[in-house]
Amino acid sequence: MAKIAIVYHSQFGHTKRQAEAVHRGAAGVDSAEAILYTVKEATERMDELDETDAIIFGCPTYMGNVSAGMKAFQEDAAKKWFADAWKDKIAGAFTNSSSFSGDKMNTLTSLMVFAMQQGMIFVSLGMKPAENLPESMKEIVGPGPDAHNRVGSYIGPMASSFEVKPDAGSPSVGDIETAELYGKRVAEITLRLKHN
């Protein structure tokens, strides 16, 4: 059995939808248990994260970087660095912003560096742009809202919510499915490494 934690911050609900999809993907893997934590819950129950095999971090991109809620969690988790408590755990990351770019790459890089500083082993998205709709890459408009990895990220899932409310279906189906597939990938890799 592998235990995977998803630790996320969401201000308006878009990143929560993405986190729930990552959770579904991880929980759907045989012999995997997935637990969803807000950054507030994770901060209050930080020692529970020591008992996991993997932690996937997610937050919105605000002003080109991690949200303040995630940053506060990271700073509180410095105590885990001193103890090497998360060393050699599997890690992953995802983010959302209100546009196609929004400098989301910087947020994923920041989350990845945080994981690296903790001594964790980071899992990439492992998916080509428009993986499920490759022909859309040959069109002037590019991949649409049903495409997996439509933004073309490799570090982790990037979702785009624009100015559409979460209860109206934002982020898009393709972005949500990408997050779910990523949760599955992290869980499968965690199990593979755990059993070797």
Protein backbone atom coordinates (compact mmCIF):
# COMPACT_ATOMS: atom_id res chain seq x y z
CA MET A 1 0.00 0.00 0.00
CA ALA A 2 1.23 3.49 -0.86
CA LYS A 3 -0.08 6.62 0.82
CA ILE A 4 -0.22 9.79 -1.28
CA ALA A 5 -1.05 13.21 0.15
CA ILE A 6 -2.29 16.08 -1.98
CA VAL A 7 -1.59 19.41 -0.27
CA TYR A 8 -3.23 22.39 -1.96
CA HIS A 9 -4.23 26.01 -1.57
CA SER A 10 -7.25 27.40 -3.43
CA GLN A 11 -8.63 30.89 -3.06
CA PHE A 12 -11.63 30.78 -5.39
CA GLY A 13 -12.18 27.04 -5.96
CA HIS A 14 -10.46 26.48 -9.31
CA THR A 15 -7.36 24.87 -7.83
CA LYS A 16 -9.57 22.88 -5.46
CA ARG A 17 -11.23 21.27 -8.50
CA GLN A 18 -7.79 20.49 -9.88
CA ALA A 19 -6.66 19.05 -6.52
CA GLU A 20 -9.77 16.87 -6.33
CA ALA A 21 -8.94 15.50 -9.79
CA VAL A 22 -5.35 14.71 -8.74
CA HIS A 23 -6.82 12.98 -5.68
CA ARG A 24 -9.25 10.91 -7.81
CA GLY A 25 -6.43 9.81 -10.07
CA ALA A 26 -4.19 8.73 -7.21
CA ALA A 27 -7.03 7.08 -5.25
CA GLY A 28 -8.07 5.10 -8.34
CA VAL A 29 -4.82 3.15 -8.41
CA ASP A 30 -4.93 -0.29 -6.77
CA SER A 31 -2.94 -0.40 -3.52
CA ALA A 32 -2.87 3.39 -3.26
CA GLU A 33 -4.53 5.52 -0.61
CA ALA A 34 -4.89 9.24 -1.35
CA ILE A 35 -5.57 11.95 1.21
CA LEU A 36 -6.55 15.52 0.34
CA TYR A 37 -5.33 18.33 2.61
CA THR A 38 -5.81 22.07 2.33
CA VAL A 39 -2.63 23.93 3.30
CA LYS A 40 -4.36 24.89 6.56
CA GLU A 41 -5.12 21.24 7.36
CA ALA A 42 -1.64 20.16 6.29
CA THR A 43 -0.03 22.79 8.52
CA GLU A 44 -2.14 21.72 11.51
CA ARG A 45 -1.44 18.01 10.86
CA MET A 46 2.09 18.31 9.45
CA ASP A 47 3.38 15.18 11.19
CA GLU A 48 0.84 13.06 9.27
CA LEU A 49 2.73 13.93 6.10
CA ASP A 50 5.79 12.14 7.52
CA GLU A 51 3.84 8.89 7.21
CA THR A 52 3.09 9.30 3.50
CA ASP A 53 5.05 7.88 0.58
CA ALA A 54 4.34 10.84 -1.72
CA ILE A 55 3.19 14.45 -1.46
CA ILE A 56 1.76 16.38 -4.40
CA PHE A 57 1.70 20.16 -3.92
CA GLY A 58 -0.75 22.44 -5.73
CA CYS A 59 -1.70 26.10 -5.67
CA PRO A 60 -2.84 28.91 -7.91
CA THR A 61 -0.32 31.12 -9.63
CA TYR A 62 -0.64 34.67 -8.32
CA MET A 63 1.53 37.40 -9.76
CA GLY A 64 3.74 34.77 -11.39
CA ASN A 65 4.48 32.66 -8.31
CA VAL A 66 3.02 30.42 -5.59
CA SER A 67 0.10 31.79 -3.63
CA ALA A 68 0.65 33.24 -0.16
CA GLY A 69 -1.19 30.30 1.41
CA MET A 70 1.20 27.79 -0.17
CA LYS A 71 4.22 29.93 0.67
CA ALA A 72 3.19 30.03 4.34
CA PHE A 73 2.89 26.22 4.32
CA GLN A 74 6.34 25.88 2.72
CA GLU A 75 7.90 28.11 5.35
CA ASP A 76 6.24 26.17 8.15
CA ALA A 77 7.48 22.92 6.58
CA ALA A 78 11.09 24.10 6.99
CA LYS A 79 11.10 22.14 10.25
CA LYS A 80 10.76 18.97 8.15
CA TRP A 81 13.91 19.95 6.27
CA PHE A 82 15.91 20.04 9.50
CA ALA A 83 14.77 16.51 10.34
CA ASP A 84 15.06 15.07 6.78
CA ALA A 85 11.49 13.92 7.41
CA TRP A 86 10.47 13.99 3.73
CA LYS A 87 13.78 12.91 2.21
CA ASP A 88 13.31 10.32 -0.55
CA LYS A 89 9.51 10.71 -0.64
CA ILE A 90 7.97 11.10 -4.08
CA ALA A 91 6.80 14.63 -4.96
CA GLY A 92 4.74 16.32 -7.63
CA ALA A 93 3.13 19.69 -8.32
CA PHE A 94 0.27 21.36 -10.17
CA THR A 95 -1.02 24.90 -10.63
CA ASN A 96 -3.80 27.00 -12.11
CA SER A 97 -4.05 30.60 -13.29
CA SER A 98 -6.57 32.81 -15.03
CA SER A 99 -4.82 32.70 -18.42
CA PHE A 100 -2.95 30.28 -20.66
CA SER A 101 0.38 31.37 -19.24
CA GLY A 102 0.25 33.67 -16.24
CA ASP A 103 3.86 32.60 -15.68
CA LYS A 104 2.67 29.27 -14.28
CA MET A 105 6.05 27.73 -15.09
CA ASN A 106 7.58 29.82 -12.32
CA THR A 107 5.06 28.43 -9.80
CA LEU A 108 5.75 24.83 -10.79
CA THR A 109 9.48 25.48 -10.65
CA SER A 110 9.08 26.99 -7.17
CA LEU A 111 7.10 23.96 -5.98
CA MET A 112 9.67 21.63 -7.52
CA VAL A 113 12.58 23.48 -5.87
CA PHE A 114 10.75 23.25 -2.54
CA ALA A 115 10.46 19.48 -3.01
CA MET A 116 14.12 19.22 -4.04
CA GLN A 117 15.17 21.17 -0.95
CA GLN A 118 13.26 18.63 1.12
CA GLY A 119 15.28 15.87 -0.62
CA MET A 120 12.23 14.51 -2.44
CA ILE A 121 12.08 12.69 -5.80
CA PHE A 122 10.01 14.73 -8.27
CA VAL A 123 7.66 13.20 -10.86
CA SER A 124 7.12 15.01 -14.16
CA LEU A 125 3.82 15.18 -16.02
CA GLY A 126 5.07 12.63 -18.57
CA MET A 127 2.64 13.82 -21.22
CA LYS A 128 3.08 15.52 -24.58
CA PRO A 129 1.05 18.63 -25.47
CA ALA A 130 -2.49 17.73 -26.57
CA GLU A 131 -1.69 14.09 -25.84
CA ASN A 132 -5.24 12.89 -26.48
CA LEU A 133 -5.81 15.23 -29.47
CA PRO A 134 -2.44 15.43 -31.28
CA GLU A 135 -3.99 16.63 -34.55
CA SER A 136 -5.05 19.86 -32.81
CA MET A 137 -1.37 20.82 -32.71
CA LYS A 138 -1.57 21.30 -36.49
CA GLU A 139 -4.37 23.86 -36.28
CA ILE A 140 -3.87 27.62 -36.00
CA VAL A 141 -6.07 27.77 -32.87
CA GLY A 142 -4.17 24.92 -31.24
CA PRO A 143 -5.53 22.55 -28.60
CA GLY A 144 -8.99 23.29 -27.23
CA PRO A 145 -10.51 22.82 -23.77
CA ASP A 146 -10.84 19.02 -24.16
CA ALA A 147 -7.12 18.53 -24.80
CA HIS A 148 -4.88 16.97 -22.17
CA ASN A 149 -1.87 19.14 -21.37
CA ARG A 150 -3.13 21.81 -23.73
CA VAL A 151 -0.65 24.37 -22.36
CA GLY A 152 2.32 22.07 -23.02
CA SER A 153 3.77 21.69 -19.53
CA TYR A 154 6.27 19.01 -18.58
CA ILE A 155 6.89 19.65 -14.86
CA GLY A 156 3.26 19.13 -13.81
CA PRO A 157 -0.32 19.98 -14.77
CA MET A 158 -1.11 23.59 -15.64
CA ALA A 159 -4.79 24.54 -15.70
CA SER A 160 -6.33 27.73 -17.06
CA SER A 161 -9.51 29.02 -15.45
CA PHE A 162 -9.85 32.42 -17.17
CA GLU A 163 -12.66 34.46 -15.60
CA VAL A 164 -15.06 31.52 -15.42
CA LYS A 165 -16.33 30.40 -12.02
CA PRO A 166 -15.55 26.84 -10.87
CA ASP A 167 -19.25 25.91 -10.69
CA ALA A 168 -19.51 26.86 -14.39
CA GLY A 169 -16.94 24.21 -15.29
CA SER A 170 -13.60 25.95 -14.92
CA PRO A 171 -10.89 24.70 -15.32
CA SER A 172 -11.84 22.87 -18.50
CA VAL A 173 -12.50 19.16 -18.91
CA GLY A 174 -9.10 18.61 -20.50
CA ASP A 175 -7.28 20.39 -17.67
CA ILE A 176 -9.19 18.38 -15.05
CA GLU A 177 -8.52 15.09 -16.87
CA THR A 178 -4.82 16.04 -17.09
CA ALA A 179 -4.74 16.52 -13.32
CA GLU A 180 -6.45 13.17 -12.77
CA LEU A 181 -3.96 11.38 -15.03
CA TYR A 182 -1.12 13.05 -13.14
CA GLY A 183 -2.43 11.81 -9.80
CA LYS A 184 -2.56 8.32 -11.30
CA ARG A 185 1.00 8.64 -12.63
CA VAL A 186 2.40 9.77 -9.27
CA ALA A 187 0.63 6.92 -7.45
CA GLU A 188 1.86 4.31 -9.95
CA ILE A 189 5.45 5.55 -9.78
CA THR A 190 5.27 5.68 -5.98
CA LEU A 191 4.13 2.05 -5.86
CA ARG A 192 6.79 0.99 -8.36
CA LEU A 193 9.59 2.61 -6.36
CA LYS A 194 8.19 1.40 -3.05
CA HIS A 195 8.22 -2.22 -4.20
CA ASN A 196 11.74 -2.19 -5.68
